[in-house]
Amino acid sequence: MWIDGGIHAREWISSATVTFMIRQLVEVQDSEESDLLDNLDWYILPQVNPDGYEHTRNGDRLWRKTR
């Protein structure tokens, strides 16, 4: 299973959403979710574009590309 977020620099909520998903997978003890954890390989990348993200936080808020 591949999950990523933060592809575009100004999309701040996508990184928070991926972080929330990680928390749900790790902390919630549900039989359906434990089957997913046991039977799949997980690859999670919360922030694909950290340089662009940082630039929108400290520079141009509407910047969309990588740096």
C-alpha atoms as a PDB file:
ATOM      1  CA  MET A   1       0.000   0.000   0.000  1.00  0.00           C
ATOM      2  CA  TRP A   2       1.469   3.366  -1.015  1.00  0.00           C
ATOM      3  CA  ILE A   3       0.224   6.556   0.652  1.00  0.00           C
ATOM      4  CA  ASP A   4       1.742   9.975   0.036  1.00  0.00           C
ATOM      5  CA  GLY A   5       0.850  13.581   0.671  1.00  0.00           C
ATOM      6  CA  GLY A   6       2.256  17.054   0.241  1.00  0.00           C
ATOM      7  CA  ILE A   7       2.948  16.675  -3.473  1.00  0.00           C
ATOM      8  CA  HIS A   8       2.069  20.294  -4.183  1.00  0.00           C
ATOM      9  CA  ALA A   9       3.704  22.838  -1.892  1.00  0.00           C
ATOM     10  CA  ARG A  10       0.624  24.810  -0.885  1.00  0.00           C
ATOM     11  CA  GLU A  11      -1.550  21.805  -0.075  1.00  0.00           C
ATOM     12  CA  TRP A  12      -0.844  21.793   3.658  1.00  0.00           C
ATOM     13  CA  ILE A  13      -3.793  19.629   4.661  1.00  0.00           C
ATOM     14  CA  SER A  14      -2.639  16.575   2.711  1.00  0.00           C
ATOM     15  CA  SER A  15       0.373  16.040   4.999  1.00  0.00           C
ATOM     16  CA  ALA A  16      -1.847  16.344   8.056  1.00  0.00           C
ATOM     17  CA  THR A  17      -4.281  13.842   6.541  1.00  0.00           C
ATOM     18  CA  VAL A  18      -1.525  11.287   5.946  1.00  0.00           C
ATOM     19  CA  THR A  19      -0.314  11.791   9.522  1.00  0.00           C
ATOM     20  CA  PHE A  20      -3.858  11.186  10.767  1.00  0.00           C
ATOM     21  CA  MET A  21      -4.066   8.006   8.688  1.00  0.00           C
ATOM     22  CA  ILE A  22      -0.804   6.750  10.210  1.00  0.00           C
ATOM     23  CA  ARG A  23      -2.146   7.403  13.689  1.00  0.00           C
ATOM     24  CA  GLN A  24      -5.377   5.553  12.934  1.00  0.00           C
ATOM     25  CA  LEU A  25      -3.498   2.548  11.584  1.00  0.00           C
ATOM     26  CA  VAL A  26      -1.098   2.377  14.527  1.00  0.00           C
ATOM     27  CA  GLU A  27      -3.298   3.257  17.494  1.00  0.00           C
ATOM     28  CA  VAL A  28      -6.773   1.956  16.690  1.00  0.00           C
ATOM     29  CA  GLN A  29      -7.154  -1.713  17.500  1.00  0.00           C
ATOM     30  CA  ASP A  30      -9.752  -2.975  15.039  1.00  0.00           C
ATOM     31  CA  SER A  31      -9.765  -6.470  13.608  1.00  0.00           C
ATOM     32  CA  GLU A  32     -10.346  -5.211  10.065  1.00  0.00           C
ATOM     33  CA  GLU A  33      -7.431  -2.775  10.269  1.00  0.00           C
ATOM     34  CA  SER A  34      -5.128  -5.325  11.889  1.00  0.00           C
ATOM     35  CA  ASP A  35      -5.738  -7.606   8.893  1.00  0.00           C
ATOM     36  CA  LEU A  36      -4.616  -4.765   6.644  1.00  0.00           C
ATOM     37  CA  LEU A  37      -1.477  -4.243   8.708  1.00  0.00           C
ATOM     38  CA  ASP A  38      -0.642  -7.940   8.745  1.00  0.00           C
ATOM     39  CA  ASN A  39      -1.278  -8.686   5.081  1.00  0.00           C
ATOM     40  CA  LEU A  40       0.108  -5.639   3.268  1.00  0.00           C
ATOM     41  CA  ASP A  41       3.449  -3.898   2.969  1.00  0.00           C
ATOM     42  CA  TRP A  42       2.966  -0.211   3.807  1.00  0.00           C
ATOM     43  CA  TYR A  43       4.970   2.633   2.301  1.00  0.00           C
ATOM     44  CA  ILE A  44       3.987   6.021   3.681  1.00  0.00           C
ATOM     45  CA  LEU A  45       5.502   9.367   2.685  1.00  0.00           C
ATOM     46  CA  PRO A  46       3.686  12.252   4.439  1.00  0.00           C
ATOM     47  CA  GLN A  47       5.618  15.061   2.694  1.00  0.00           C
ATOM     48  CA  VAL A  48       6.782  14.545  -0.887  1.00  0.00           C
ATOM     49  CA  ASN A  49       7.795  18.172  -1.441  1.00  0.00           C
ATOM     50  CA  PRO A  50       9.408  19.472   1.801  1.00  0.00           C
ATOM     51  CA  ASP A  51      11.290  22.355   0.135  1.00  0.00           C
ATOM     52  CA  GLY A  52       8.170  23.711  -1.550  1.00  0.00           C
ATOM     53  CA  TYR A  53       6.193  23.262   1.658  1.00  0.00           C
ATOM     54  CA  GLU A  54       8.768  25.228   3.639  1.00  0.00           C
ATOM     55  CA  HIS A  55       8.789  27.961   0.983  1.00  0.00           C
ATOM     56  CA  THR A  56       5.010  28.400   1.299  1.00  0.00           C
ATOM     57  CA  ARG A  57       5.307  28.590   5.077  1.00  0.00           C
ATOM     58  CA  ASN A  58       8.022  31.272   5.066  1.00  0.00           C
ATOM     59  CA  GLY A  59       7.767  32.925   1.656  1.00  0.00           C
ATOM     60  CA  ASP A  60       5.239  32.874  -1.155  1.00  0.00           C
ATOM     61  CA  ARG A  61       2.032  31.300   0.232  1.00  0.00           C
ATOM     62  CA  LEU A  62       0.696  30.517  -3.254  1.00  0.00           C
ATOM     63  CA  TRP A  63       3.842  28.749  -4.513  1.00  0.00           C
ATOM     64  CA  ARG A  64       2.805  25.388  -5.989  1.00  0.00           C
ATOM     65  CA  LYS A  65       5.947  23.819  -7.437  1.00  0.00           C
ATOM     66  CA  THR A  66       9.034  22.128  -6.071  1.00  0.00           C
ATOM     67  CA  ARG A  67      12.096  24.158  -5.072  1.00  0.00           C
END
